[in-house]
PDB file of N, CA and C in Angstrom:
ATOM      1  N   MET A   1     -31.325  37.089  -0.859  1.00  0.00           N
ATOM      2  CA  MET A   1     -30.830  38.340  -1.399  1.00  0.00           C
ATOM      3  C   MET A   1     -29.336  38.457  -1.112  1.00  0.00           C
ATOM      4  N   THR A   2     -28.593  38.879  -2.089  1.00  0.00           N
ATOM      5  CA  THR A   2     -27.154  39.053  -1.956  1.00  0.00           C
ATOM      6  C   THR A   2     -26.854  40.394  -1.286  1.00  0.00           C
ATOM      7  N   THR A   3     -25.880  40.406  -0.405  1.00  0.00           N
ATOM      8  CA  THR A   3     -25.504  41.666   0.234  1.00  0.00           C
ATOM      9  C   THR A   3     -24.507  42.409  -0.643  1.00  0.00           C
ATOM     10  N   GLY A   4     -24.432  43.718  -0.476  1.00  0.00           N
ATOM     11  CA  GLY A   4     -23.542  44.542  -1.279  1.00  0.00           C
ATOM     12  C   GLY A   4     -22.082  44.374  -0.902  1.00  0.00           C
ATOM     13  N   THR A   5     -21.194  44.780  -1.801  1.00  0.00           N
ATOM     14  CA  THR A   5     -19.757  44.673  -1.560  1.00  0.00           C
ATOM     15  C   THR A   5     -19.040  46.011  -1.670  1.00  0.00           C
ATOM     16  N   ASN A   6     -19.789  47.100  -1.833  1.00  0.00           N
ATOM     17  CA  ASN A   6     -19.208  48.446  -1.926  1.00  0.00           C
ATOM     18  C   ASN A   6     -18.143  48.555  -3.007  1.00  0.00           C
ATOM     19  N   ILE A   7     -18.393  47.961  -4.164  1.00  0.00           N
ATOM     20  CA  ILE A   7     -17.450  48.003  -5.277  1.00  0.00           C
ATOM     21  C   ILE A   7     -17.581  49.307  -6.052  1.00  0.00           C
ATOM     22  N   MET A   8     -18.778  49.875  -6.101  1.00  0.00           N
ATOM     23  CA  MET A   8     -19.036  51.032  -6.929  1.00  0.00           C
ATOM     24  C   MET A   8     -19.538  52.181  -6.059  1.00  0.00           C
ATOM     25  N   ALA A   9     -19.117  53.373  -6.401  1.00  0.00           N
ATOM     26  CA  ALA A   9     -19.595  54.568  -5.704  1.00  0.00           C
ATOM     27  C   ALA A   9     -20.058  55.575  -6.747  1.00  0.00           C
ATOM     28  N   PHE A  10     -21.127  56.283  -6.466  1.00  0.00           N
ATOM     29  CA  PHE A  10     -21.669  57.265  -7.390  1.00  0.00           C
ATOM     30  C   PHE A  10     -21.227  58.657  -6.978  1.00  0.00           C
ATOM     31  N   ILE A  11     -20.993  59.518  -7.968  1.00  0.00           N
ATOM     32  CA  ILE A  11     -20.653  60.908  -7.711  1.00  0.00           C
ATOM     33  C   ILE A  11     -21.558  61.787  -8.562  1.00  0.00           C
ATOM     34  N   ARG A  12     -21.660  63.048  -8.199  1.00  0.00           N
ATOM     35  CA  ARG A  12     -22.456  63.994  -8.979  1.00  0.00           C
ATOM     36  C   ARG A  12     -21.677  64.395 -10.224  1.00  0.00           C
ATOM     37  N   ARG A  13     -22.414  64.848 -11.243  1.00  0.00           N
ATOM     38  CA  ARG A  13     -21.779  65.219 -12.507  1.00  0.00           C
ATOM     39  C   ARG A  13     -20.720  66.307 -12.300  1.00  0.00           C
ATOM     40  N   ASN A  14     -20.948  67.259 -11.391  1.00  0.00           N
ATOM     41  CA  ASN A  14     -19.967  68.318 -11.177  1.00  0.00           C
ATOM     42  C   ASN A  14     -18.730  67.835 -10.422  1.00  0.00           C
ATOM     43  N   GLN A  15     -18.727  66.591  -9.949  1.00  0.00           N
ATOM     44  CA  GLN A  15     -17.565  66.017  -9.268  1.00  0.00           C
ATOM     45  C   GLN A  15     -16.663  65.224 -10.219  1.00  0.00           C
ATOM     46  N   VAL A  16     -17.069  65.104 -11.483  1.00  0.00           N
ATOM     47  CA  VAL A  16     -16.254  64.385 -12.461  1.00  0.00           C
ATOM     48  C   VAL A  16     -14.994  65.206 -12.725  1.00  0.00           C
ATOM     49  N   PRO A  17     -13.799  64.597 -12.619  1.00  0.00           N
ATOM     50  CA  PRO A  17     -12.560  65.348 -12.876  1.00  0.00           C
ATOM     51  C   PRO A  17     -12.558  65.950 -14.283  1.00  0.00           C
ATOM     52  N   HIS A  18     -11.873  67.071 -14.449  1.00  0.00           N
ATOM     53  CA  HIS A  18     -11.873  67.789 -15.731  1.00  0.00           C
ATOM     54  C   HIS A  18     -11.254  66.987 -16.872  1.00  0.00           C
ATOM     55  N   ASN A  19     -10.353  66.062 -16.562  1.00  0.00           N
ATOM     56  CA  ASN A  19      -9.718  65.258 -17.609  1.00  0.00           C
ATOM     57  C   ASN A  19     -10.505  63.976 -17.916  1.00  0.00           C
ATOM     58  N   ARG A  20     -11.693  63.831 -17.360  1.00  0.00           N
ATOM     59  CA  ARG A  20     -12.558  62.664 -17.593  1.00  0.00           C
ATOM     60  C   ARG A  20     -13.899  63.128 -18.114  1.00  0.00           C
ATOM     61  N   ARG A  21     -14.707  62.174 -18.619  1.00  0.00           N
ATOM     62  CA  ARG A  21     -16.066  62.519 -19.030  1.00  0.00           C
ATOM     63  C   ARG A  21     -17.015  61.426 -18.570  1.00  0.00           C
ATOM     64  N   ALA A  22     -18.213  61.814 -18.275  1.00  0.00           N
ATOM     65  CA  ALA A  22     -19.227  60.867 -17.815  1.00  0.00           C
ATOM     66  C   ALA A  22     -19.849  60.172 -19.018  1.00  0.00           C
ATOM     67  N   VAL A  23     -20.234  58.923 -18.841  1.00  0.00           N
ATOM     68  CA  VAL A  23     -20.935  58.182 -19.896  1.00  0.00           C
ATOM     69  C   VAL A  23     -22.307  57.773 -19.381  1.00  0.00           C
ATOM     70  N   ASP A  24     -23.191  57.495 -20.309  1.00  0.00           N
ATOM     71  CA  ASP A  24     -24.550  57.114 -19.945  1.00  0.00           C
ATOM     72  C   ASP A  24     -24.621  55.653 -19.540  1.00  0.00           C
ATOM     73  N   LEU A  25     -25.399  55.386 -18.520  1.00  0.00           N
ATOM     74  CA  LEU A  25     -25.640  54.036 -18.026  1.00  0.00           C
ATOM     75  C   LEU A  25     -27.049  53.633 -18.442  1.00  0.00           C
ATOM     76  N   LYS A  26     -27.186  52.476 -19.051  1.00  0.00           N
ATOM     77  CA  LYS A  26     -28.499  51.981 -19.446  1.00  0.00           C
ATOM     78  C   LYS A  26     -28.846  50.791 -18.560  1.00  0.00           C
ATOM     79  N   ILE A  27     -29.986  50.857 -17.895  1.00  0.00           N
ATOM     80  CA  ILE A  27     -30.437  49.756 -17.053  1.00  0.00           C
ATOM     81  C   ILE A  27     -31.397  48.905 -17.867  1.00  0.00           C
ATOM     82  N   VAL A  28     -31.065  47.621 -18.011  1.00  0.00           N
ATOM     83  CA  VAL A  28     -31.871  46.701 -18.809  1.00  0.00           C
ATOM     84  C   VAL A  28     -32.486  45.673 -17.872  1.00  0.00           C
ATOM     85  N   SER A  29     -33.796  45.545 -17.924  1.00  0.00           N
ATOM     86  CA  SER A  29     -34.518  44.597 -17.081  1.00  0.00           C
ATOM     87  C   SER A  29     -35.171  43.544 -17.971  1.00  0.00           C
ATOM     88  N   ALA A  30     -35.065  42.288 -17.577  1.00  0.00           N
ATOM     89  CA  ALA A  30     -35.653  41.207 -18.366  1.00  0.00           C
ATOM     90  C   ALA A  30     -36.421  40.264 -17.453  1.00  0.00           C
ATOM     91  N   ASP A  31     -37.586  39.860 -17.889  1.00  0.00           N
ATOM     92  CA  ASP A  31     -38.404  38.888 -17.172  1.00  0.00           C
ATOM     93  C   ASP A  31     -38.420  37.613 -18.003  1.00  0.00           C
ATOM     94  N   LYS A  32     -37.795  36.560 -17.498  1.00  0.00           N
ATOM     95  CA  LYS A  32     -37.672  35.298 -18.232  1.00  0.00           C
ATOM     96  C   LYS A  32     -38.319  34.186 -17.409  1.00  0.00           C
ATOM     97  N   PRO A  33     -39.627  33.979 -17.561  1.00  0.00           N
ATOM     98  CA  PRO A  33     -40.333  33.009 -16.717  1.00  0.00           C
ATOM     99  C   PRO A  33     -39.892  31.556 -16.918  1.00  0.00           C
ATOM    100  N   ASN A  34     -39.271  31.233 -18.044  1.00  0.00           N
ATOM    101  CA  ASN A  34     -38.865  29.846 -18.310  1.00  0.00           C
ATOM    102  C   ASN A  34     -37.435  29.541 -17.881  1.00  0.00           C
ATOM    103  N   LYS A  35     -36.749  30.500 -17.267  1.00  0.00           N
ATOM    104  CA  LYS A  35     -35.365  30.314 -16.841  1.00  0.00           C
ATOM    105  C   LYS A  35     -35.287  30.091 -15.338  1.00  0.00           C
ATOM    106  N   ALA A  36     -34.155  29.579 -14.871  1.00  0.00           N
ATOM    107  CA  ALA A  36     -33.963  29.355 -13.435  1.00  0.00           C
ATOM    108  C   ALA A  36     -33.950  30.684 -12.674  1.00  0.00           C
ATOM    109  N   ILE A  37     -33.271  31.677 -13.243  1.00  0.00           N
ATOM    110  CA  ILE A  37     -33.291  33.020 -12.671  1.00  0.00           C
ATOM    111  C   ILE A  37     -34.307  33.807 -13.484  1.00  0.00           C
ATOM    112  N   LYS A  38     -35.456  34.057 -12.916  1.00  0.00           N
ATOM    113  CA  LYS A  38     -36.575  34.617 -13.670  1.00  0.00           C
ATOM    114  C   LYS A  38     -36.451  36.115 -13.929  1.00  0.00           C
ATOM    115  N   GLU A  39     -35.988  36.882 -12.952  1.00  0.00           N
ATOM    116  CA  GLU A  39     -35.816  38.315 -13.131  1.00  0.00           C
ATOM    117  C   GLU A  39     -34.332  38.618 -13.280  1.00  0.00           C
ATOM    118  N   HIS A  40     -34.006  39.419 -14.272  1.00  0.00           N
ATOM    119  CA  HIS A  40     -32.603  39.705 -14.557  1.00  0.00           C
ATOM    120  C   HIS A  40     -32.462  41.203 -14.829  1.00  0.00           C
ATOM    121  N   ILE A  41     -31.537  41.851 -14.138  1.00  0.00           N
ATOM    122  CA  ILE A  41     -31.256  43.266 -14.367  1.00  0.00           C
ATOM    123  C   ILE A  41     -29.765  43.407 -14.628  1.00  0.00           C
ATOM    124  N   ARG A  42     -29.428  44.184 -15.635  1.00  0.00           N
ATOM    125  CA  ARG A  42     -28.010  44.427 -15.915  1.00  0.00           C
ATOM    126  C   ARG A  42     -27.821  45.887 -16.315  1.00  0.00           C
ATOM    127  N   PHE A  43     -26.612  46.376 -16.117  1.00  0.00           N
ATOM    128  CA  PHE A  43     -26.245  47.718 -16.520  1.00  0.00           C
ATOM    129  C   PHE A  43     -25.389  47.599 -17.768  1.00  0.00           C
ATOM    130  N   THR A  44     -25.634  48.433 -18.740  1.00  0.00           N
ATOM    131  CA  THR A  44     -24.806  48.442 -19.940  1.00  0.00           C
ATOM    132  C   THR A  44     -24.284  49.853 -20.182  1.00  0.00           C
ATOM    133  N   VAL A  45     -23.065  49.918 -20.682  1.00  0.00           N
ATOM    134  CA  VAL A  45     -22.426  51.173 -21.058  1.00  0.00           C
ATOM    135  C   VAL A  45     -21.782  50.938 -22.411  1.00  0.00           C
ATOM    136  N   ARG A  46     -21.887  51.899 -23.293  1.00  0.00           N
ATOM    137  CA  ARG A  46     -21.240  51.751 -24.607  1.00  0.00           C
ATOM    138  C   ARG A  46     -19.739  51.633 -24.414  1.00  0.00           C
ATOM    139  N   GLY A  47     -19.180  50.524 -24.837  1.00  0.00           N
ATOM    140  CA  GLY A  47     -17.757  50.243 -24.621  1.00  0.00           C
ATOM    141  C   GLY A  47     -16.826  51.242 -25.258  1.00  0.00           C
ATOM    142  N   ASP A  48     -17.249  51.873 -26.352  1.00  0.00           N
ATOM    143  CA  ASP A  48     -16.379  52.845 -27.010  1.00  0.00           C
ATOM    144  C   ASP A  48     -16.347  54.179 -26.266  1.00  0.00           C
ATOM    145  N   GLN A  49     -17.180  54.331 -25.248  1.00  0.00           N
ATOM    146  CA  GLN A  49     -17.237  55.568 -24.481  1.00  0.00           C
ATOM    147  C   GLN A  49     -16.460  55.496 -23.163  1.00  0.00           C
ATOM    148  N   VAL A  50     -16.024  54.309 -22.769  1.00  0.00           N
ATOM    149  CA  VAL A  50     -15.360  54.126 -21.479  1.00  0.00           C
ATOM    150  C   VAL A  50     -13.907  54.583 -21.564  1.00  0.00           C
ATOM    151  N   GLU A  51     -13.515  55.441 -20.631  1.00  0.00           N
ATOM    152  CA  GLU A  51     -12.114  55.851 -20.525  1.00  0.00           C
ATOM    153  C   GLU A  51     -11.495  55.121 -19.351  1.00  0.00           C
ATOM    154  N   TYR A  52     -10.688  54.119 -19.641  1.00  0.00           N
ATOM    155  CA  TYR A  52     -10.036  53.332 -18.598  1.00  0.00           C
ATOM    156  C   TYR A  52      -8.615  53.053 -19.069  1.00  0.00           C
ATOM    157  N   PRO A  53      -7.613  53.273 -18.225  1.00  0.00           N
ATOM    158  CA  PRO A  53      -6.229  53.181 -18.691  1.00  0.00           C
ATOM    159  C   PRO A  53      -5.746  51.766 -19.007  1.00  0.00           C
ATOM    160  N   ASP A  54      -6.377  50.742 -18.467  1.00  0.00           N
ATOM    161  CA  ASP A  54      -5.930  49.370 -18.694  1.00  0.00           C
ATOM    162  C   ASP A  54      -6.803  48.681 -19.742  1.00  0.00           C
ATOM    163  N   ASP A  55      -6.467  47.436 -20.047  1.00  0.00           N
ATOM    164  CA  ASP A  55      -7.206  46.644 -21.014  1.00  0.00           C
ATOM    165  C   ASP A  55      -8.588  46.296 -20.454  1.00  0.00           C
ATOM    166  N   VAL A  56      -9.649  46.519 -21.225  1.00  0.00           N
ATOM    167  CA  VAL A  56     -11.008  46.256 -20.755  1.00  0.00           C
ATOM    168  C   VAL A  56     -11.669  45.091 -21.504  1.00  0.00           C
ATOM    169  N   THR A  57     -10.893  44.350 -22.272  1.00  0.00           N
ATOM    170  CA  THR A  57     -11.467  43.241 -23.035  1.00  0.00           C
ATOM    171  C   THR A  57     -11.380  41.939 -22.257  1.00  0.00           C
ATOM    172  N   THR A  58     -12.232  41.013 -22.605  1.00  0.00           N
ATOM    173  CA  THR A  58     -12.189  39.667 -22.049  1.00  0.00           C
ATOM    174  C   THR A  58     -11.643  38.751 -23.137  1.00  0.00           C
ATOM    175  N   LYS A  59     -10.495  38.188 -22.904  1.00  0.00           N
ATOM    176  CA  LYS A  59      -9.839  37.348 -23.910  1.00  0.00           C
ATOM    177  C   LYS A  59     -10.584  36.023 -24.074  1.00  0.00           C
ATOM    178  N   THR A  60     -10.688  35.569 -25.299  1.00  0.00           N
ATOM    179  CA  THR A  60     -11.284  34.268 -25.590  1.00  0.00           C
ATOM    180  C   THR A  60     -10.312  33.468 -26.440  1.00  0.00           C
ATOM    181  N   ALA A  61     -10.526  32.177 -26.501  1.00  0.00           N
ATOM    182  CA  ALA A  61      -9.655  31.313 -27.290  1.00  0.00           C
ATOM    183  C   ALA A  61     -10.019  31.425 -28.772  1.00  0.00           C
ATOM    184  N   ALA A  62      -9.032  31.295 -29.606  1.00  0.00           N
ATOM    185  CA  ALA A  62      -9.265  31.307 -31.044  1.00  0.00           C
ATOM    186  C   ALA A  62     -10.013  30.034 -31.451  1.00  0.00           C
ATOM    187  N   LEU A  63     -10.751  30.104 -32.530  1.00  0.00           N
ATOM    188  CA  LEU A  63     -11.518  28.955 -33.006  1.00  0.00           C
ATOM    189  C   LEU A  63     -10.607  27.761 -33.279  1.00  0.00           C
ATOM    190  N   THR A  64      -9.416  28.021 -33.808  1.00  0.00           N
ATOM    191  CA  THR A  64      -8.466  26.928 -34.077  1.00  0.00           C
ATOM    192  C   THR A  64      -8.074  26.219 -32.783  1.00  0.00           C
ATOM    193  N   THR A  65      -7.862  26.974 -31.706  1.00  0.00           N
ATOM    194  CA  THR A  65      -7.499  26.383 -30.418  1.00  0.00           C
ATOM    195  C   THR A  65      -8.619  25.488 -29.896  1.00  0.00           C
ATOM    196  N   VAL A  66      -9.853  25.943 -30.008  1.00  0.00           N
ATOM    197  CA  VAL A  66     -11.001  25.139 -29.563  1.00  0.00           C
ATOM    198  C   VAL A  66     -11.119  23.872 -30.392  1.00  0.00           C
ATOM    199  N   LYS A  67     -10.939  23.967 -31.693  1.00  0.00           N
ATOM    200  CA  LYS A  67     -11.028  22.787 -32.564  1.00  0.00           C
ATOM    201  C   LYS A  67      -9.955  21.759 -32.215  1.00  0.00           C
ATOM    202  N   ILE A  68      -8.734  22.208 -31.948  1.00  0.00           N
ATOM    203  CA  ILE A  68      -7.653  21.290 -31.575  1.00  0.00           C
ATOM    204  C   ILE A  68      -7.975  20.602 -30.255  1.00  0.00           C
ATOM    205  N   LEU A  69      -8.474  21.354 -29.282  1.00  0.00           N
ATOM    206  CA  LEU A  69      -8.831  20.780 -27.988  1.00  0.00           C
ATOM    207  C   LEU A  69      -9.918  19.720 -28.144  1.00  0.00           C
ATOM    208  N   LEU A  70     -10.996  20.043 -28.846  1.00  0.00           N
ATOM    209  CA  LEU A  70     -12.090  19.085 -29.021  1.00  0.00           C
ATOM    210  C   LEU A  70     -11.652  17.876 -29.835  1.00  0.00           C
ATOM    211  N   ASN A  71     -10.848  18.087 -30.857  1.00  0.00           N
ATOM    212  CA  ASN A  71     -10.315  16.969 -31.643  1.00  0.00           C
ATOM    213  C   ASN A  71      -9.483  16.035 -30.781  1.00  0.00           C
ATOM    214  N   SER A  72      -8.677  16.623 -29.894  1.00  0.00           N
ATOM    215  CA  SER A  72      -7.837  15.830 -29.013  1.00  0.00           C
ATOM    216  C   SER A  72      -8.688  14.966 -28.082  1.00  0.00           C
ATOM    217  N   VAL A  73      -9.740  15.545 -27.532  1.00  0.00           N
ATOM    218  CA  VAL A  73     -10.614  14.792 -26.629  1.00  0.00           C
ATOM    219  C   VAL A  73     -11.330  13.680 -27.376  1.00  0.00           C
ATOM    220  N   LEU A  74     -11.866  14.002 -28.542  1.00  0.00           N
ATOM    221  CA  LEU A  74     -12.626  13.003 -29.308  1.00  0.00           C
ATOM    222  C   LEU A  74     -11.757  11.870 -29.836  1.00  0.00           C
ATOM    223  N   SER A  75     -10.499  12.148 -30.131  1.00  0.00           N
ATOM    224  CA  SER A  75      -9.632  11.110 -30.699  1.00  0.00           C
ATOM    225  C   SER A  75      -8.860  10.322 -29.651  1.00  0.00           C
ATOM    226  N   THR A  76      -8.987  10.664 -28.384  1.00  0.00           N
ATOM    227  CA  THR A  76      -8.305   9.948 -27.308  1.00  0.00           C
ATOM    228  C   THR A  76      -9.267   8.943 -26.684  1.00  0.00           C
ATOM    229  N   PRO A  77      -8.975   7.633 -26.775  1.00  0.00           N
ATOM    230  CA  PRO A  77      -9.874   6.629 -26.196  1.00  0.00           C
ATOM    231  C   PRO A  77     -10.002   6.811 -24.682  1.00  0.00           C
ATOM    232  N   GLY A  78     -11.223   6.794 -24.194  1.00  0.00           N
ATOM    233  CA  GLY A  78     -11.482   6.899 -22.765  1.00  0.00           C
ATOM    234  C   GLY A  78     -11.340   8.304 -22.192  1.00  0.00           C
ATOM    235  N   ALA A  79     -11.110   9.292 -23.045  1.00  0.00           N
ATOM    236  CA  ALA A  79     -10.941  10.664 -22.555  1.00  0.00           C
ATOM    237  C   ALA A  79     -12.265  11.226 -22.057  1.00  0.00           C
ATOM    238  N   GLU A  80     -12.187  12.089 -21.063  1.00  0.00           N
ATOM    239  CA  GLU A  80     -13.374  12.764 -20.548  1.00  0.00           C
ATOM    240  C   GLU A  80     -13.158  14.267 -20.663  1.00  0.00           C
ATOM    241  N   PHE A  81     -14.243  14.990 -20.780  1.00  0.00           N
ATOM    242  CA  PHE A  81     -14.149  16.436 -20.970  1.00  0.00           C
ATOM    243  C   PHE A  81     -15.201  17.122 -20.110  1.00  0.00           C
ATOM    244  N   MET A  82     -14.838  18.251 -19.530  1.00  0.00           N
ATOM    245  CA  MET A  82     -15.792  18.989 -18.712  1.00  0.00           C
ATOM    246  C   MET A  82     -15.619  20.480 -18.971  1.00  0.00           C
ATOM    247  N   THR A  83     -16.704  21.205 -18.909  1.00  0.00           N
ATOM    248  CA  THR A  83     -16.665  22.659 -19.027  1.00  0.00           C
ATOM    249  C   THR A  83     -17.496  23.247 -17.899  1.00  0.00           C
ATOM    250  N   GLY A  84     -17.261  24.492 -17.563  1.00  0.00           N
ATOM    251  CA  GLY A  84     -17.997  25.128 -16.466  1.00  0.00           C
ATOM    252  C   GLY A  84     -18.426  26.533 -16.832  1.00  0.00           C
ATOM    253  N   ASP A  85     -19.367  27.052 -16.084  1.00  0.00           N
ATOM    254  CA  ASP A  85     -19.876  28.398 -16.286  1.00  0.00           C
ATOM    255  C   ASP A  85     -19.689  29.173 -14.987  1.00  0.00           C
ATOM    256  N   ILE A  86     -19.015  30.279 -15.058  1.00  0.00           N
ATOM    257  CA  ILE A  86     -18.771  31.096 -13.870  1.00  0.00           C
ATOM    258  C   ILE A  86     -19.816  32.196 -13.830  1.00  0.00           C
ATOM    259  N   GLU A  87     -20.601  32.233 -12.757  1.00  0.00           N
ATOM    260  CA  GLU A  87     -21.646  33.233 -12.621  1.00  0.00           C
ATOM    261  C   GLU A  87     -21.198  34.307 -11.630  1.00  0.00           C
ATOM    262  N   HIS A  88     -21.544  35.526 -11.880  1.00  0.00           N
ATOM    263  CA  HIS A  88     -21.202  36.674 -11.034  1.00  0.00           C
ATOM    264  C   HIS A  88     -19.690  36.870 -10.916  1.00  0.00           C
ATOM    265  N   PHE A  89     -18.921  36.493 -11.933  1.00  0.00           N
ATOM    266  CA  PHE A  89     -17.471  36.583 -11.869  1.00  0.00           C
ATOM    267  C   PHE A  89     -16.992  38.017 -11.678  1.00  0.00           C
ATOM    268  N   TYR A  90     -17.532  38.952 -12.467  1.00  0.00           N
ATOM    269  CA  TYR A  90     -17.091  40.332 -12.392  1.00  0.00           C
ATOM    270  C   TYR A  90     -17.734  41.097 -11.249  1.00  0.00           C
ATOM    271  N   LEU A  91     -18.733  40.535 -10.593  1.00  0.00           N
ATOM    272  CA  LEU A  91     -19.399  41.224  -9.504  1.00  0.00           C
ATOM    273  C   LEU A  91     -18.731  40.978  -8.152  1.00  0.00           C
ATOM    274  N   HIS A  92     -17.766  40.074  -8.099  1.00  0.00           N
ATOM    275  CA  HIS A  92     -17.058  39.746  -6.855  1.00  0.00           C
ATOM    276  C   HIS A  92     -18.024  39.275  -5.767  1.00  0.00           C
ATOM    277  N   LEU A  93     -19.047  38.516  -6.134  1.00  0.00           N
ATOM    278  CA  LEU A  93     -20.030  38.025  -5.149  1.00  0.00           C
ATOM    279  C   LEU A  93     -19.618  36.677  -4.607  1.00  0.00           C
TER     280      LEU A  93
END
């Protein structure tokens, strides 16, 4: 079991500042018996409802950039390529 990191704190609805608004949190639970991690729980919030002053998007590479990268690897003799998956990146675990 992973220990907590005190990243999030809950407040009562009457403690929400007047210039902010509360949004609904949806808890989604999934049971995937054929996966390595069988039980999965995540929180979802409608992105158009979040009030946050900074950028909240996750940047991705354009399709053209990916095609150029893969073409370069495939056309280079003896080239090797590796990719990775980062788990729990936003949870700071």
